[in-house]
N, C-alpha and C. Protein backbone atom coordinates (compact mmCIF):
# COMPACT_ATOMS: atom_id res chain seq x y z
N MET A 1 60.41 -98.09 96.77
CA MET A 1 59.79 -98.97 95.89
C MET A 1 58.65 -98.08 94.97
N THR A 2 58.19 -97.34 95.34
CA THR A 2 56.66 -96.85 94.73
C THR A 2 57.30 -96.11 93.60
N LEU A 3 58.34 -95.36 93.76
CA LEU A 3 58.85 -94.70 92.43
C LEU A 3 59.71 -95.90 91.60
N LEU A 4 59.89 -97.06 91.75
CA LEU A 4 60.39 -97.99 90.62
C LEU A 4 58.79 -98.43 90.09
N ALA A 5 57.84 -98.55 90.94
CA ALA A 5 56.36 -98.91 90.08
C ALA A 5 55.99 -98.08 89.32
N LEU A 6 56.09 -96.65 89.90
CA LEU A 6 55.93 -95.84 88.78
C LEU A 6 56.46 -95.37 87.34
N ALA A 7 58.10 -95.68 87.51
CA ALA A 7 58.73 -95.90 86.62
C ALA A 7 58.63 -97.34 85.52
N VAL A 8 58.21 -98.25 86.15
CA VAL A 8 57.73 -99.50 85.30
C VAL A 8 56.46 -99.22 84.57
N ALA A 9 55.49 -98.65 85.55
CA ALA A 9 54.19 -98.43 85.03
C ALA A 9 54.29 -97.45 83.71
N THR A 10 55.19 -96.12 83.85
CA THR A 10 55.11 -95.16 82.49
C THR A 10 55.80 -95.99 81.43
N ALA A 11 57.15 -96.62 81.39
CA ALA A 11 57.67 -97.52 80.43
C ALA A 11 56.90 -98.37 80.09
N ALA A 12 55.94 -99.11 80.60
CA ALA A 12 54.87 -100.07 79.98
C ALA A 12 53.99 -99.15 78.95
N GLY A 13 53.76 -98.18 79.84
CA GLY A 13 52.48 -97.19 78.96
C GLY A 13 53.21 -96.54 77.84
N ALA A 14 54.54 -96.39 77.62
CA ALA A 14 54.69 -95.83 76.19
C ALA A 14 54.84 -96.80 75.49
N GLN A 15 55.48 -98.11 76.00
CA GLN A 15 55.41 -99.18 75.23
C GLN A 15 54.28 -99.87 74.68
N SER A 16 53.10 -99.39 75.16
CA SER A 16 51.63 -99.88 74.65
C SER A 16 51.29 -99.00 73.85
N SER A 17 51.84 -97.43 73.93
CA SER A 17 51.29 -96.62 72.85
C SER A 17 51.90 -96.79 71.41
N ASP A 18 53.23 -97.81 71.42
CA ASP A 18 53.38 -98.13 70.51
C ASP A 18 52.96 -99.55 69.84
N SER A 19 51.94 -100.04 70.19
CA SER A 19 51.39 -101.34 70.08
C SER A 19 51.22 -101.53 68.88
N ALA A 20 51.01 -103.03 68.31
CA ALA A 20 50.56 -103.23 66.64
C ALA A 20 48.94 -102.50 66.76
N ALA A 21 47.97 -102.56 67.53
CA ALA A 21 47.06 -101.92 67.27
C ALA A 21 46.91 -100.31 67.22
N ALA A 22 47.91 -100.23 67.77
CA ALA A 22 48.38 -98.43 68.03
C ALA A 22 48.86 -98.01 66.16
N ARG A 23 49.80 -98.93 65.86
CA ARG A 23 50.43 -98.78 64.68
C ARG A 23 49.48 -98.87 63.36
N ARG A 24 48.40 -100.06 63.58
CA ARG A 24 47.61 -99.89 62.82
C ARG A 24 46.46 -98.90 62.48
N ALA A 25 46.12 -98.28 63.41
CA ALA A 25 45.58 -97.28 63.62
C ALA A 25 46.15 -96.03 62.91
N ALA A 26 47.41 -95.75 63.22
CA ALA A 26 47.95 -94.63 62.57
C ALA A 26 47.97 -94.61 61.16
N ALA A 27 48.20 -95.76 61.16
CA ALA A 27 48.39 -96.23 59.34
C ALA A 27 47.26 -96.16 58.71
N GLN A 28 46.14 -96.50 59.47
CA GLN A 28 44.86 -96.01 58.65
C GLN A 28 44.50 -94.56 58.43
N ARG A 29 45.02 -93.80 59.55
CA ARG A 29 44.88 -92.43 59.55
C ARG A 29 45.90 -92.01 58.30
N TYR A 30 47.13 -92.44 58.39
CA TYR A 30 47.95 -92.00 57.28
C TYR A 30 47.22 -92.37 55.62
N VAL A 31 46.67 -93.63 55.63
CA VAL A 31 45.99 -93.91 54.04
C VAL A 31 44.64 -92.99 54.27
N SER A 32 44.33 -92.52 55.05
CA SER A 32 42.84 -91.49 54.89
C SER A 32 43.43 -90.16 54.50
N THR A 33 44.92 -89.77 54.49
CA THR A 33 45.21 -88.71 54.45
C THR A 33 45.54 -88.67 52.57
N ILE A 34 46.05 -90.00 52.10
CA ILE A 34 46.57 -89.64 51.16
C ILE A 34 45.49 -90.22 49.91
N PRO A 35 45.78 -89.45 48.79
CA PRO A 35 44.82 -89.97 47.61
C PRO A 35 45.02 -91.22 46.81
N SER A 36 44.66 -92.47 47.33
CA SER A 36 45.28 -93.68 47.01
C SER A 36 44.94 -93.89 45.52
N GLU A 37 43.94 -93.36 45.11
CA GLU A 37 43.50 -93.63 43.37
C GLU A 37 44.60 -93.04 42.67
N SER A 38 45.02 -91.80 42.98
CA SER A 38 46.16 -91.03 42.43
C SER A 38 47.17 -91.26 42.48
N VAL A 39 47.64 -91.98 43.43
CA VAL A 39 49.01 -92.65 44.01
C VAL A 39 48.93 -94.08 43.19
N PHE A 40 47.76 -94.71 42.84
CA PHE A 40 47.91 -95.56 41.85
C PHE A 40 48.04 -95.25 40.47
N ASP A 41 47.16 -94.26 40.31
CA ASP A 41 47.04 -93.84 38.56
C ASP A 41 48.77 -93.23 38.34
N GLU A 42 49.42 -92.90 39.04
CA GLU A 42 50.88 -92.40 39.07
C GLU A 42 51.74 -93.43 38.37
N MET A 43 51.62 -94.56 39.55
CA MET A 43 52.40 -95.81 39.13
C MET A 43 51.80 -96.30 37.99
N VAL A 44 50.88 -96.68 37.63
CA VAL A 44 50.30 -97.50 36.37
C VAL A 44 50.59 -96.55 35.18
N ALA A 45 50.46 -94.78 35.49
CA ALA A 45 51.03 -94.48 34.37
C ALA A 45 52.54 -94.44 33.95
N THR A 46 52.98 -94.65 34.97
CA THR A 46 54.81 -95.12 34.87
C THR A 46 55.04 -96.33 34.05
N LEU A 47 54.09 -97.38 34.76
CA LEU A 47 54.27 -98.57 33.92
C LEU A 47 54.06 -98.92 32.41
N ALA A 48 52.71 -97.96 32.33
CA ALA A 48 52.22 -97.83 30.90
C ALA A 48 53.18 -97.54 29.80
N GLN A 49 54.23 -96.59 30.49
CA GLN A 49 55.35 -96.45 29.14
C GLN A 49 56.01 -97.46 28.60
N GLN A 50 55.54 -98.45 29.59
CA GLN A 50 56.75 -99.87 28.93
C GLN A 50 55.53 -100.80 27.86
N VAL A 51 54.37 -99.92 27.82
CA VAL A 51 53.33 -100.65 26.85
C VAL A 51 53.26 -99.81 25.37
N PRO A 52 53.29 -100.36 24.08
CA PRO A 52 52.78 -100.13 23.26
C PRO A 52 51.87 -98.57 23.13
N ALA A 53 52.40 -97.85 22.60
CA ALA A 53 51.50 -96.11 22.72
C ALA A 53 50.10 -96.62 22.40
N ASN A 54 49.64 -97.05 21.44
CA ASN A 54 48.56 -97.66 21.04
C ASN A 54 47.89 -98.65 21.80
N ARG A 55 48.29 -98.99 22.69
CA ARG A 55 47.82 -99.94 23.67
C ARG A 55 47.57 -99.41 25.44
N ARG A 56 48.13 -98.25 25.41
CA ARG A 56 48.47 -97.77 26.63
C ARG A 56 47.22 -97.55 27.28
N GLU A 57 46.17 -96.60 26.69
CA GLU A 57 44.80 -96.54 27.26
C GLU A 57 44.07 -97.52 27.80
N GLU A 58 44.24 -98.63 27.03
CA GLU A 58 43.42 -100.33 27.48
C GLU A 58 44.09 -100.75 28.29
N PHE A 59 45.85 -100.50 28.73
CA PHE A 59 46.39 -100.91 29.88
C PHE A 59 46.02 -100.25 31.15
N VAL A 60 45.93 -99.15 30.96
CA VAL A 60 45.56 -98.20 32.00
C VAL A 60 43.94 -98.61 32.73
N THR A 61 43.16 -98.78 31.80
CA THR A 61 41.49 -99.08 31.94
C THR A 61 41.77 -100.85 32.53
N LEU A 62 42.66 -101.34 32.16
CA LEU A 62 42.92 -103.12 33.04
C LEU A 62 43.18 -102.96 33.76
N MET A 63 44.27 -102.22 34.21
CA MET A 63 44.86 -102.07 35.71
C MET A 63 43.88 -101.60 36.64
N ARG A 64 43.16 -100.81 36.34
CA ARG A 64 42.49 -100.18 37.35
C ARG A 64 41.44 -100.94 37.66
N LYS A 65 40.83 -101.74 36.40
CA LYS A 65 39.92 -103.13 37.09
C LYS A 65 40.36 -104.08 37.75
N LEU A 66 41.87 -104.43 37.45
CA LEU A 66 42.32 -105.39 38.25
C LEU A 66 42.80 -105.23 39.40
N VAL A 67 43.39 -104.07 39.87
CA VAL A 67 43.97 -103.70 41.13
C VAL A 67 42.80 -102.91 42.18
N PRO A 68 42.17 -103.37 42.59
CA PRO A 68 41.31 -102.78 43.62
C PRO A 68 42.13 -101.71 44.86
N VAL A 69 41.59 -100.56 44.77
CA VAL A 69 42.35 -99.83 45.94
C VAL A 69 42.22 -99.92 47.06
N ASP A 70 41.02 -100.35 47.37
CA ASP A 70 40.88 -101.03 49.27
C ASP A 70 42.09 -101.94 49.23
N ALA A 71 42.40 -102.88 48.41
CA ALA A 71 43.21 -103.93 48.99
C ALA A 71 44.54 -103.31 48.80
N MET A 72 44.89 -102.27 48.34
CA MET A 72 46.32 -101.71 48.05
C MET A 72 46.29 -100.75 49.56
N GLN A 73 45.12 -100.49 49.75
CA GLN A 73 45.08 -99.57 51.34
C GLN A 73 45.70 -100.55 52.36
N ALA A 74 44.93 -101.64 52.18
CA ALA A 74 44.67 -102.77 53.10
C ALA A 74 46.30 -103.09 53.18
N VAL A 75 46.86 -103.48 52.38
CA VAL A 75 48.34 -103.86 52.26
C VAL A 75 49.65 -103.02 53.00
N THR A 76 48.67 -101.64 52.56
CA THR A 76 49.78 -100.50 52.83
C THR A 76 49.67 -100.43 54.78
N ILE A 77 48.43 -100.48 55.37
CA ILE A 77 48.43 -100.42 56.52
C ILE A 77 49.16 -101.80 57.09
N GLU A 78 48.89 -102.80 56.60
CA GLU A 78 49.59 -103.97 57.25
C GLU A 78 51.02 -103.93 57.18
N THR A 79 51.42 -103.58 55.98
CA THR A 79 53.01 -103.42 55.95
C THR A 79 53.80 -101.92 56.59
N MET A 80 53.01 -100.90 56.83
CA MET A 80 53.36 -100.19 57.54
C MET A 80 53.67 -99.84 58.67
N SER A 81 52.53 -100.94 59.48
CA SER A 81 52.54 -101.13 60.95
C SER A 81 53.29 -102.37 61.32
N ARG A 82 53.88 -102.83 60.56
CA ARG A 82 55.06 -103.84 60.92
C ARG A 82 56.60 -103.19 60.58
N HIS A 83 56.72 -102.12 59.87
CA HIS A 83 58.13 -101.35 59.70
C HIS A 83 58.10 -99.94 60.17
N PHE A 84 57.23 -99.43 60.44
CA PHE A 84 57.28 -98.41 61.39
C PHE A 84 56.55 -98.02 62.88
N THR A 85 57.05 -97.25 63.50
CA THR A 85 56.33 -96.84 64.82
C THR A 85 55.38 -95.67 64.54
N VAL A 86 54.75 -95.91 65.93
CA VAL A 86 53.26 -94.70 65.63
C VAL A 86 53.62 -93.40 65.43
N ASP A 87 54.97 -93.09 66.35
CA ASP A 87 55.72 -91.62 65.59
C ASP A 87 56.48 -91.30 64.28
N GLU A 88 56.71 -92.57 63.75
CA GLU A 88 56.97 -92.18 62.68
C GLU A 88 56.16 -92.23 61.28
N ILE A 89 54.68 -92.92 61.74
CA ILE A 89 53.54 -93.12 60.71
C ILE A 89 53.20 -91.42 61.00
N GLU A 90 53.10 -91.25 62.02
CA GLU A 90 52.14 -89.87 62.55
C GLU A 90 53.19 -88.84 61.42
N ALA A 91 54.27 -88.91 61.56
CA ALA A 91 55.44 -87.99 60.52
C ALA A 91 55.04 -88.15 59.29
N MET A 92 54.77 -89.29 58.87
CA MET A 92 54.64 -89.48 57.54
C MET A 92 53.24 -88.86 57.17
N THR A 93 52.21 -89.15 58.09
CA THR A 93 51.08 -88.15 58.21
C THR A 93 50.99 -86.67 57.85
N ARG A 94 51.68 -86.15 58.80
CA ARG A 94 52.04 -84.81 58.83
C ARG A 94 52.64 -84.20 57.63
N PHE A 95 53.83 -85.31 56.87
CA PHE A 95 54.19 -84.62 55.96
C PHE A 95 52.93 -84.65 54.69
N GLN A 96 52.74 -85.87 54.51
CA GLN A 96 51.65 -86.25 53.28
C GLN A 96 50.62 -85.17 53.58
N SER A 97 49.87 -84.61 54.77
CA SER A 97 49.07 -83.45 54.79
C SER A 97 49.82 -82.28 54.18
N SER A 98 50.98 -81.73 54.73
CA SER A 98 51.58 -80.45 54.19
C SER A 98 51.42 -80.16 52.96
N PRO A 99 51.46 -78.66 52.37
CA PRO A 99 51.57 -78.24 50.77
C PRO A 99 52.67 -79.03 50.67
N GLU A 100 53.89 -78.94 51.16
CA GLU A 100 55.07 -79.42 50.52
C GLU A 100 55.07 -80.82 50.18
N GLY A 101 54.35 -81.46 51.32
CA GLY A 101 54.55 -82.85 50.98
C GLY A 101 53.58 -83.51 49.98
N ARG A 102 52.43 -82.67 49.62
CA ARG A 102 51.61 -82.95 48.42
C ARG A 102 52.59 -82.44 47.44
N ALA A 103 52.88 -81.63 47.28
CA ALA A 103 53.75 -81.05 46.11
C ALA A 103 54.79 -82.23 45.73
N ILE A 104 55.42 -82.55 46.96
CA ILE A 104 56.96 -83.56 46.61
C ILE A 104 56.05 -84.86 46.25
N MET A 105 54.52 -85.37 46.87
CA MET A 105 54.16 -86.84 46.28
C MET A 105 53.93 -86.70 44.76
N GLY A 106 53.15 -85.35 44.21
CA GLY A 106 52.61 -85.14 43.08
C GLY A 106 53.68 -85.54 41.94
N LYS A 107 55.25 -84.89 42.39
CA LYS A 107 56.11 -85.09 41.56
C LYS A 107 57.06 -86.43 41.61
N LEU A 108 56.82 -87.10 42.63
CA LEU A 108 57.30 -88.22 43.07
C LEU A 108 57.37 -89.39 41.82
N GLY A 109 56.16 -89.52 41.29
CA GLY A 109 55.75 -90.70 40.24
C GLY A 109 56.73 -90.55 38.95
N ALA A 110 56.91 -89.14 38.72
CA ALA A 110 57.55 -88.63 37.23
C ALA A 110 58.74 -88.78 37.80
N TYR A 111 59.39 -87.96 38.66
CA TYR A 111 60.78 -88.30 39.18
C TYR A 111 61.24 -89.85 39.41
N MET A 112 60.55 -90.86 39.97
CA MET A 112 61.18 -92.17 39.89
C MET A 112 60.86 -92.63 38.24
N GLY A 113 60.27 -92.24 37.92
CA GLY A 113 59.80 -92.80 36.43
C GLY A 113 60.88 -92.22 35.79
N GLU A 114 61.43 -91.16 35.91
CA GLU A 114 62.85 -90.86 35.09
C GLU A 114 63.97 -91.07 35.72
N LEU A 115 64.31 -91.30 36.82
CA LEU A 115 65.16 -91.96 37.75
C LEU A 115 65.55 -93.31 37.50
N MET A 116 64.66 -94.05 37.73
CA MET A 116 65.04 -95.72 37.95
C MET A 116 65.79 -96.29 36.52
N PRO A 117 65.16 -95.82 35.34
CA PRO A 117 65.73 -96.65 34.18
C PRO A 117 67.33 -96.05 34.23
N GLN A 118 67.48 -94.82 34.57
CA GLN A 118 69.08 -94.34 34.67
C GLN A 118 69.77 -95.12 35.45
N VAL A 119 69.21 -95.25 36.72
CA VAL A 119 70.15 -95.99 37.88
C VAL A 119 70.12 -97.45 37.49
N GLN A 120 68.56 -98.08 36.64
CA GLN A 120 69.12 -99.42 36.37
C GLN A 120 70.20 -99.68 35.32
N ARG A 121 70.10 -98.62 34.34
CA ARG A 121 71.49 -99.23 33.30
C ARG A 121 72.65 -98.92 33.86
N GLU A 122 72.93 -97.85 34.65
CA GLU A 122 74.03 -97.82 35.32
C GLU A 122 74.61 -99.55 36.34
N VAL A 123 73.91 -99.87 36.94
CA VAL A 123 74.02 -101.14 37.69
C VAL A 123 74.10 -101.88 36.84
N LEU A 124 73.28 -101.95 36.07
CA LEU A 124 73.34 -103.30 34.95
C LEU A 124 74.83 -103.00 33.89
N ARG A 125 75.26 -102.13 33.79
CA ARG A 125 76.66 -101.79 32.94
C ARG A 125 77.49 -102.03 34.12
N ALA A 126 77.63 -101.71 35.66
CA ALA A 126 78.61 -102.15 36.54
C ALA A 126 78.45 -103.73 36.32
N LEU A 127 77.62 -104.36 36.45
CA LEU A 127 77.35 -106.11 36.87
C LEU A 127 78.03 -106.40 35.86
N GLU A 128 77.92 -106.22 34.65
CA GLU A 128 78.50 -106.80 33.19
C GLU A 128 79.99 -106.35 33.40
N GLN A 129 80.40 -105.38 33.95
CA GLN A 129 82.05 -104.88 34.08
C GLN A 129 82.40 -105.88 35.09
N ALA A 130 81.70 -105.91 36.22
CA ALA A 130 82.21 -106.58 37.43
C ALA A 130 82.53 -108.48 36.96
N ARG A 131 81.42 -108.66 36.07
CA ARG A 131 81.38 -110.41 35.70
C ARG A 131 82.95 -110.59 34.74
N GLU A 132 82.82 -109.58 33.80
CA GLU A 132 83.99 -109.48 33.23
C GLU A 132 85.27 -109.57 34.09
N GLU A 133 85.49 -108.52 35.03
CA GLU A 133 86.87 -108.34 35.72
C GLU A 133 86.75 -109.74 36.54
N LEU A 134 85.86 -110.44 37.13
CA LEU A 134 85.57 -111.38 37.91
C LEU A 134 85.78 -112.90 37.38
N ARG A 135 85.11 -112.85 36.06
CA ARG A 135 85.21 -113.61 34.86
C ARG A 135 84.36 -114.93 35.66
N ILE A 136 83.19 -114.15 35.87
CA ILE A 136 81.97 -115.22 36.27
C ILE A 136 81.00 -115.11 35.52
């Protein structure tokens, strides 16, 4: 009976280490390791490519004014804590803190900016073909 109680207590302790509060704390540590402003700047730079060249600087300045970094961080913390375990968040934090992780993240914006338009074109082409074949 004592062994069963110990097993139940150990399982309960393991579960509580992945509580909502523990996930939030892990997500806060994660957010503190990433340069939120540079991540945001990369996103805005990618979006700015859709703005006429003569208005891009104005667009970037306006976006920096309209999107508060602390609000983005709060949303990141809440969303991460709903979708990832403490162990997963800690793994992402270790990755972001490593030289390789920082290098990859530094290149990810340009990579996605180049990749996504091509993927979207291909998906739209396939969608058009599917509509024709299905006559919808």
